[in-house]
């Protein structure tokens, strides 16, 4: 039975995601569709607009057969580690196709440029190093990629992430087949709602108190509105207070934390000590060298104690958020163990148990900061459809 996967955040689930899933099924003829989805914190280094169970629920109603939770330390890293961490899990689950959105280019053009960038990886690294003076790694990589390709049409956040997916597939010699699908109507970073009613997650979040209803499926709209009425819109204010306490009072070391760079704790200390609220802290801390997403990811990794050695863990489990009867085929044929209950967790050992513990910590941080109940991972019933 052929299985496709989509790496996702669904923050929130919208009509563009439904289009991607429908196109993926059409192009691959896969009988099963799975998503590995960021948990309660997403790659931008922010709490998700609604909790992971609600987002998984929307994905299942849209036509997925299973939603698996991405380990929190993977979702809180840059594109390279976000991609390789996710691909390694999907490889062990036994996925045949990885489908993902791309922008501006058709799939054949995109794959041609990916081949160039991977074949010329050494040149890309050297150009990036040369561009790093007074620039963030992201900007240095952007400029290096433009230099190597001779144009900038390739460079979008979605395309860079897609490039890293393919690079990761080749790095671990996986048989997963990449299937790029061109986005329609809206680019990933566009902040205005589109007349065609297919808009980016960014645009929907920015217009969450406006008329966004036609841009998401009805089932997603109901979940979003229910969450907003009950819990409001999450912010980083609570997390910032914890961050300040650990950095300024505890003076907890940061040098073993994912995303750390030598001297960054002193830089952040000087800014945190004079900024009472998170928004002013982030505005002052963000520079060409330190992007806002990088700072927020580091803050969360610091709070959660996500240490660098986690990237070396060989993960042999996957945590299921939702599934249907058809997806039980995956349970029987996967090379790794599904975790649905507390009993499953108790069977884990070593690094697997450490990784899952970190995932539970992230969920509880989100729960307490948004006013939700603690320890929902094994008290909230896994949704079987």
Protein backbone atom coordinates (compact mmCIF):
# COMPACT_ATOMS: atom_id res chain seq x y z
CA UNK A 1 0.00 0.00 0.00
CA UNK A 2 1.60 3.25 -1.17
CA UNK A 3 1.78 6.07 1.37
CA UNK A 4 2.35 9.81 0.89
CA UNK A 5 3.45 12.24 3.58
CA UNK A 6 3.25 16.01 3.98
CA UNK A 7 5.42 17.78 6.56
CA UNK A 8 3.25 20.46 8.10
CA UNK A 9 2.31 22.98 10.74
CA UNK A 10 -1.32 23.63 9.71
CA UNK A 11 -1.18 26.87 11.67
CA UNK A 12 -4.08 27.02 10.93
CA UNK A 13 -5.35 24.48 8.39
CA UNK A 14 -6.57 26.38 5.29
CA UNK A 15 -7.79 25.82 1.75
CA UNK A 16 -4.25 25.85 0.36
CA UNK A 17 -3.43 22.85 2.56
CA UNK A 18 -6.55 21.06 1.27
CA UNK A 19 -5.44 21.78 -2.31
CA UNK A 20 -1.95 20.40 -1.58
CA UNK A 21 -3.38 17.18 -0.10
CA UNK A 22 -5.83 16.68 -2.97
CA UNK A 23 -3.11 17.29 -5.59
CA UNK A 24 -0.72 14.97 -3.75
CA UNK A 25 -3.27 12.16 -3.82
CA UNK A 26 -3.99 12.79 -7.50
CA UNK A 27 -0.33 12.85 -8.57
CA UNK A 28 0.86 9.86 -6.53
CA UNK A 29 -2.23 7.62 -6.47
CA UNK A 30 -1.21 6.78 -2.91
CA UNK A 31 -3.74 4.82 -0.85
CA UNK A 32 -2.66 6.35 2.49
CA UNK A 33 -1.84 9.94 3.42
CA UNK A 34 0.04 10.93 6.56
CA UNK A 35 1.21 14.24 7.97
CA UNK A 36 4.05 14.77 10.40
CA UNK A 37 3.01 18.02 12.07
CA UNK A 38 4.69 20.45 14.45
CA UNK A 39 3.27 20.21 17.96
CA UNK A 40 2.22 23.21 20.01
CA UNK A 41 5.26 25.32 19.04
CA UNK A 42 6.12 25.99 15.41
CA UNK A 43 9.28 26.72 13.45
CA UNK A 44 8.87 30.49 13.69
CA UNK A 45 9.56 30.02 17.41
CA UNK A 46 5.99 30.78 18.44
CA UNK A 47 3.04 29.00 20.04
CA UNK A 48 0.64 27.64 17.45
CA UNK A 49 -2.55 29.65 17.08
CA UNK A 50 -4.56 26.58 18.17
CA UNK A 51 -3.43 23.40 19.93
CA UNK A 52 -2.01 20.36 18.16
CA UNK A 53 -5.05 18.11 18.76
CA UNK A 54 -7.39 20.64 17.16
CA UNK A 55 -5.09 21.07 14.16
CA UNK A 56 -4.78 17.30 13.79
CA UNK A 57 -8.57 17.07 13.91
CA UNK A 58 -8.85 19.51 11.00
CA UNK A 59 -6.25 17.57 9.02
CA UNK A 60 -8.16 14.31 9.47
CA UNK A 61 -11.43 15.92 8.40
CA UNK A 62 -9.62 17.20 5.30
CA UNK A 63 -8.70 13.65 4.26
CA UNK A 64 -5.50 12.58 6.02
CA UNK A 65 -5.39 9.04 7.44
CA UNK A 66 -2.90 9.74 10.22
CA UNK A 67 -1.28 12.74 11.92
CA UNK A 68 2.04 12.22 13.70
CA UNK A 69 3.55 14.80 16.04
CA UNK A 70 6.97 16.16 15.13
CA UNK A 71 9.39 16.12 18.11
CA UNK A 72 9.58 19.62 19.58
CA UNK A 73 13.35 19.94 19.20
CA UNK A 74 12.98 19.33 15.45
CA UNK A 75 10.19 21.85 14.96
CA UNK A 76 12.24 24.50 16.81
CA UNK A 77 15.21 24.48 14.43
CA UNK A 78 16.27 25.99 11.12
CA UNK A 79 15.25 24.48 7.78
CA UNK A 80 18.21 22.07 7.53
CA UNK A 81 17.55 20.34 10.86
CA UNK A 82 13.77 20.66 10.55
CA UNK A 83 14.02 18.73 7.28
CA UNK A 84 16.53 16.03 8.20
CA UNK A 85 14.82 15.29 11.51
CA UNK A 86 11.42 14.89 9.85
CA UNK A 87 12.73 12.82 6.93
CA UNK A 88 14.48 10.35 9.25
CA UNK A 89 11.19 9.70 11.06
CA UNK A 90 9.24 9.33 7.80
CA UNK A 91 11.85 6.91 6.47
CA UNK A 92 11.34 4.61 9.45
CA UNK A 93 7.57 4.90 9.22
CA UNK A 94 7.87 3.67 5.63
CA UNK A 95 6.67 6.54 3.44
CA UNK A 96 6.80 6.22 -0.36
CA UNK A 97 6.21 9.84 -1.41
CA UNK A 98 6.97 13.18 0.23
CA UNK A 99 4.75 15.93 -1.20
CA UNK A 100 5.42 19.62 -0.57
CA UNK A 101 4.52 23.04 -1.87
CA UNK A 102 6.87 25.16 -3.99
CA UNK A 103 6.57 28.74 -5.25
CA UNK A 104 7.17 30.69 -8.47
CA UNK A 105 8.67 27.74 -10.40
CA UNK A 106 7.07 24.72 -12.01
CA UNK A 107 8.17 21.34 -10.56
CA UNK A 108 10.64 20.50 -13.36
CA UNK A 109 12.38 23.89 -13.12
CA UNK A 110 12.50 23.56 -9.34
CA UNK A 111 14.09 20.10 -9.45
CA UNK A 112 16.69 21.26 -12.00
CA UNK A 113 17.78 24.09 -9.70
CA UNK A 114 17.83 21.75 -6.70
CA UNK A 115 20.20 19.45 -8.59
CA UNK A 116 22.51 22.39 -9.29
CA UNK A 117 22.54 23.50 -5.66
CA UNK A 118 23.17 20.01 -4.32
CA UNK A 119 25.85 19.21 -6.90
CA UNK A 120 27.58 22.49 -6.09
CA UNK A 121 27.18 22.24 -2.31
CA UNK A 122 30.86 23.02 -1.68
CA UNK A 123 30.68 26.21 -3.75
CA UNK A 124 27.46 27.18 -1.97
CA UNK A 125 29.11 26.76 1.44
CA UNK A 126 32.13 28.83 0.42
CA UNK A 127 30.00 31.63 -0.97
CA UNK A 128 27.89 31.58 2.19
CA UNK A 129 31.00 31.93 4.39
CA UNK A 130 32.19 34.86 2.29
CA UNK A 131 28.81 36.57 2.71
CA UNK A 132 28.60 36.10 6.49
CA UNK A 133 30.35 39.36 7.40
CA UNK A 134 27.79 41.59 9.16
CA UNK A 135 24.97 39.39 7.92
CA UNK A 136 22.77 36.63 9.28
CA UNK A 137 23.30 33.09 8.03
CA UNK A 138 19.88 33.26 6.35
CA UNK A 139 20.82 36.37 4.35
CA UNK A 140 24.29 35.00 3.56
CA UNK A 141 22.75 31.78 2.25
CA UNK A 142 20.19 33.74 0.25
CA UNK A 143 22.90 35.81 -1.45
CA UNK A 144 25.05 32.73 -2.08
CA UNK A 145 22.15 30.87 -3.69
CA UNK A 146 21.38 33.84 -5.95
CA UNK A 147 25.04 34.03 -6.97
CA UNK A 148 25.18 30.34 -7.78
CA UNK A 149 21.92 30.23 -9.77
CA UNK A 150 22.36 33.66 -11.37
CA UNK A 151 18.83 34.72 -10.34
CA UNK A 152 16.61 35.02 -7.27
CA UNK A 153 13.38 33.40 -8.47
CA UNK A 154 14.21 30.24 -6.53
CA UNK A 155 14.53 31.96 -3.18
CA UNK A 156 11.41 31.73 -1.07
CA UNK A 157 11.04 30.18 2.37
CA UNK A 158 8.95 27.32 0.96
CA UNK A 159 11.47 26.55 -1.78
CA UNK A 160 14.40 26.59 0.64
CA UNK A 161 12.58 24.16 2.93
CA UNK A 162 11.73 21.96 -0.06
CA UNK A 163 15.40 22.00 -1.09
CA UNK A 164 16.35 20.80 2.40
CA UNK A 165 13.79 17.98 2.20
CA UNK A 166 15.42 16.69 -0.99
CA UNK A 167 18.91 17.20 0.41
CA UNK A 168 17.91 15.18 3.50
CA UNK A 169 16.38 12.38 1.40
CA UNK A 170 19.64 12.04 -0.54
CA UNK A 171 21.80 12.37 2.56
CA UNK A 172 20.29 9.31 4.24
CA UNK A 173 19.93 7.48 0.90
CA UNK A 174 16.18 7.20 1.34
CA UNK A 175 13.90 5.71 -1.31
CA UNK A 176 11.23 8.31 -0.54
CA UNK A 177 10.28 10.06 -3.79
CA UNK A 178 9.97 13.87 -3.55
CA UNK A 179 6.89 15.32 -5.26
CA UNK A 180 6.94 19.14 -5.56
CA UNK A 181 3.52 20.77 -6.10
CA UNK A 182 3.26 24.40 -7.14
CA UNK A 183 1.28 26.63 -4.77
CA UNK A 184 -1.63 28.51 -6.26
CA UNK A 185 -2.85 32.03 -5.52
CA UNK A 186 -0.72 32.95 -2.49
CA UNK A 187 2.94 32.82 -1.55
CA UNK A 188 3.92 31.61 1.91
CA UNK A 189 4.89 35.01 3.34
CA UNK A 190 2.11 37.11 1.82
CA UNK A 191 0.19 38.86 4.59
CA UNK A 192 -2.96 39.95 2.72
CA UNK A 193 -5.98 37.74 2.19
CA UNK A 194 -6.50 36.80 -1.47
CA UNK A 195 -9.70 37.28 -3.46
CA UNK A 196 -9.40 33.67 -4.65
CA UNK A 197 -9.88 32.55 -1.02
CA UNK A 198 -6.63 30.59 -0.98
CA UNK A 199 -4.38 32.59 1.31
CA UNK A 200 -1.24 31.87 3.33
CA UNK A 201 -1.24 30.87 6.99
CA UNK A 202 0.56 34.16 7.65
CA UNK A 203 -2.26 36.17 6.08
CA UNK A 204 -4.94 34.25 7.96
CA UNK A 205 -3.18 34.73 11.32
CA UNK A 206 -2.74 38.45 10.63
CA UNK A 207 -6.43 38.76 9.80
CA UNK A 208 -7.75 36.43 12.47
CA UNK A 209 -10.12 39.10 13.79
CA UNK A 210 -11.25 40.05 10.29
CA UNK A 211 -13.27 38.18 7.69
CA UNK A 212 -11.05 35.14 7.01
CA UNK A 213 -13.88 32.56 7.05
CA UNK A 214 -13.90 31.91 3.29
CA UNK A 215 -10.16 31.13 3.32
CA UNK A 216 -10.40 28.01 5.49
CA UNK A 217 -12.65 24.93 5.29
CA UNK A 218 -15.77 25.13 7.48
CA UNK A 219 -14.49 22.47 9.88
CA UNK A 220 -11.26 24.42 10.38
CA UNK A 221 -13.13 27.70 10.91
CA UNK A 222 -15.24 26.15 13.66
CA UNK A 223 -12.18 24.83 15.49
CA UNK A 224 -10.33 28.17 15.21
CA UNK A 225 -13.29 30.22 16.46
CA UNK A 226 -13.95 27.86 19.35
CA UNK A 227 -10.31 28.05 20.42
CA UNK A 228 -10.17 31.87 20.18
CA UNK A 229 -13.35 32.28 22.22
CA UNK A 230 -12.11 29.94 24.92
CA UNK A 231 -8.36 30.66 25.06
CA UNK A 232 -7.69 33.79 23.00
CA UNK A 233 -4.65 34.20 20.73
CA UNK A 234 -1.40 32.82 22.21
CA UNK A 235 1.57 35.16 22.69
CA UNK A 236 5.14 34.73 23.92
CA UNK A 237 4.63 36.90 27.02
CA UNK A 238 4.48 34.00 29.49
CA UNK A 239 7.50 32.30 27.92
CA UNK A 240 9.43 35.57 28.02
CA UNK A 241 8.98 35.82 31.80
CA UNK A 242 10.42 32.31 32.23
CA UNK A 243 13.25 33.15 29.83
CA UNK A 244 14.18 36.29 31.79
CA UNK A 245 14.19 34.39 35.08
CA UNK A 246 16.47 31.65 33.74
CA UNK A 247 18.81 34.09 32.00
CA UNK A 248 18.95 36.98 34.50
CA UNK A 249 18.32 35.33 37.87
CA UNK A 250 19.34 31.69 37.54
CA UNK A 251 22.07 32.66 35.02
CA UNK A 252 21.60 29.22 33.56
CA UNK A 253 24.23 28.21 30.96
CA UNK A 254 23.06 28.30 27.37
CA UNK A 255 26.07 26.94 25.51
CA UNK A 256 24.68 23.40 25.12
CA UNK A 257 21.31 24.54 23.78
CA UNK A 258 20.13 24.08 20.19
CA UNK A 259 20.65 27.27 18.18
CA UNK A 260 23.35 28.64 20.50
CA UNK A 261 26.13 30.85 19.16
CA UNK A 262 29.14 31.86 21.19
CA UNK A 263 28.43 35.06 23.12
CA UNK A 264 24.72 35.29 22.33
CA UNK A 265 23.74 34.93 26.00
CA UNK A 266 25.60 38.16 26.85
CA UNK A 267 23.95 39.92 23.95
CA UNK A 268 20.46 38.79 25.03
CA UNK A 269 21.17 39.50 28.72
CA UNK A 270 21.90 43.18 28.01
CA UNK A 271 18.63 43.54 26.11
CA UNK A 272 16.42 41.48 28.44
CA UNK A 273 17.54 43.35 31.56
CA UNK A 274 16.10 46.64 30.24
CA UNK A 275 12.99 45.36 28.45
CA UNK A 276 10.00 44.39 30.57
CA UNK A 277 7.83 43.11 27.74
CA UNK A 278 8.50 40.59 25.01
CA UNK A 279 7.65 42.74 22.00
CA UNK A 280 10.17 45.46 22.90
CA UNK A 281 12.80 42.83 23.72
CA UNK A 282 12.35 41.11 20.35
CA UNK A 283 12.36 44.37 18.41
CA UNK A 284 15.67 45.42 19.96
CA UNK A 285 17.26 41.96 19.74
CA UNK A 286 16.42 41.36 16.06
CA UNK A 287 19.22 42.27 13.66
CA UNK A 288 20.52 41.16 10.26
CA UNK A 289 22.62 38.59 12.12
CA UNK A 290 19.96 37.44 14.58
CA UNK A 291 16.55 37.03 12.95
CA UNK A 292 13.43 37.17 15.11
CA UNK A 293 12.63 33.50 14.41
CA UNK A 294 16.11 32.45 15.46
CA UNK A 295 15.86 34.37 18.72
CA UNK A 296 12.42 32.95 19.53
CA UNK A 297 13.54 29.39 18.76
CA UNK A 298 16.58 29.80 20.99
CA UNK A 299 14.41 31.16 23.81
CA UNK A 300 12.08 28.16 23.66
CA UNK A 301 14.89 25.64 23.34
CA UNK A 302 16.55 27.28 26.35
CA UNK A 303 13.37 27.10 28.45
CA UNK A 304 12.68 23.51 27.41
CA UNK A 305 16.34 22.42 27.79
CA UNK A 306 16.50 21.13 24.23
CA UNK A 307 20.20 20.33 24.07
CA UNK A 308 22.40 19.96 20.99
CA UNK A 309 22.90 16.21 21.46
CA UNK A 310 19.24 15.65 20.56
CA UNK A 311 20.20 16.05 16.90
CA UNK A 312 22.26 12.87 17.23
CA UNK A 313 19.39 10.77 18.58
CA UNK A 314 18.24 7.83 16.50
CA UNK A 315 14.47 8.09 17.02
CA UNK A 316 12.64 4.77 16.97
CA UNK A 317 9.08 5.84 17.75
CA UNK A 318 6.40 8.15 16.39
CA UNK A 319 3.74 9.85 18.49
CA UNK A 320 0.27 9.59 16.98
CA UNK A 321 -2.18 12.49 17.35
CA UNK A 322 -4.98 11.04 15.21
CA UNK A 323 -5.59 8.08 12.91
CA UNK A 324 -8.27 6.08 11.14
CA UNK A 325 -8.76 2.37 10.61
CA UNK A 326 -7.08 2.38 7.21
CA UNK A 327 -3.86 3.79 8.68
CA UNK A 328 -3.43 0.76 10.94
CA UNK A 329 -1.49 -0.63 7.96
CA UNK A 330 1.30 1.76 9.04
CA UNK A 331 1.28 0.36 12.59
CA UNK A 332 1.86 -3.13 11.23
CA UNK A 333 4.58 -2.24 8.72
CA UNK A 334 6.59 0.57 10.30
CA UNK A 335 10.16 0.03 11.47
CA UNK A 336 9.49 2.15 14.56
CA UNK A 337 6.98 1.99 17.40
CA UNK A 338 3.75 4.01 17.54
CA UNK A 339 3.05 5.85 20.79
CA UNK A 340 -0.63 6.42 21.53
CA UNK A 341 -0.89 5.83 25.30
CA UNK A 342 1.07 6.25 28.54
CA UNK A 343 1.72 2.50 28.45
CA UNK A 344 3.46 2.94 25.07
CA UNK A 345 5.64 5.69 26.56
CA UNK A 346 6.64 3.45 29.46
CA UNK A 347 8.03 0.95 26.94
CA UNK A 348 10.48 3.53 25.58
CA UNK A 349 14.08 3.66 26.82
CA UNK A 350 17.17 5.84 26.44
CA UNK A 351 17.08 8.63 23.89
CA UNK A 352 13.58 7.72 22.71
CA UNK A 353 12.21 8.34 26.19
CA UNK A 354 14.22 11.57 26.44
CA UNK A 355 12.82 12.86 23.13
CA UNK A 356 9.24 12.07 24.10
CA UNK A 357 9.73 13.66 27.52
CA UNK A 358 10.85 16.86 25.78
CA UNK A 359 7.74 16.75 23.60
CA UNK A 360 5.52 16.47 26.67
CA UNK A 361 7.32 19.39 28.33
CA UNK A 362 6.68 21.56 25.27
CA UNK A 363 2.98 20.67 25.31
CA UNK A 364 2.65 21.46 28.98
CA UNK A 365 4.46 24.78 28.57
CA UNK A 366 1.93 25.66 25.87
CA UNK A 367 -0.97 24.41 27.98
CA UNK A 368 -0.05 26.41 31.06
CA UNK A 369 0.71 29.56 29.07
CA UNK A 370 -2.65 29.44 27.28
CA UNK A 371 -4.84 28.35 30.19
CA UNK A 372 -5.39 24.77 29.03
CA UNK A 373 -5.30 21.66 31.22
CA UNK A 374 -1.92 20.08 31.89
CA UNK A 375 -0.89 16.58 30.79
CA UNK A 376 -3.35 16.29 27.93
CA UNK A 377 -1.12 14.01 25.89
CA UNK A 378 -2.33 10.87 27.63
CA UNK A 379 -5.57 12.09 29.18
CA UNK A 380 -7.02 13.45 25.92
CA UNK A 381 -8.32 10.56 23.89
CA UNK A 382 -6.40 9.86 20.68
CA UNK A 383 -8.83 10.64 17.90
CA UNK A 384 -9.67 7.57 15.90
CA UNK A 385 -11.75 8.32 12.80
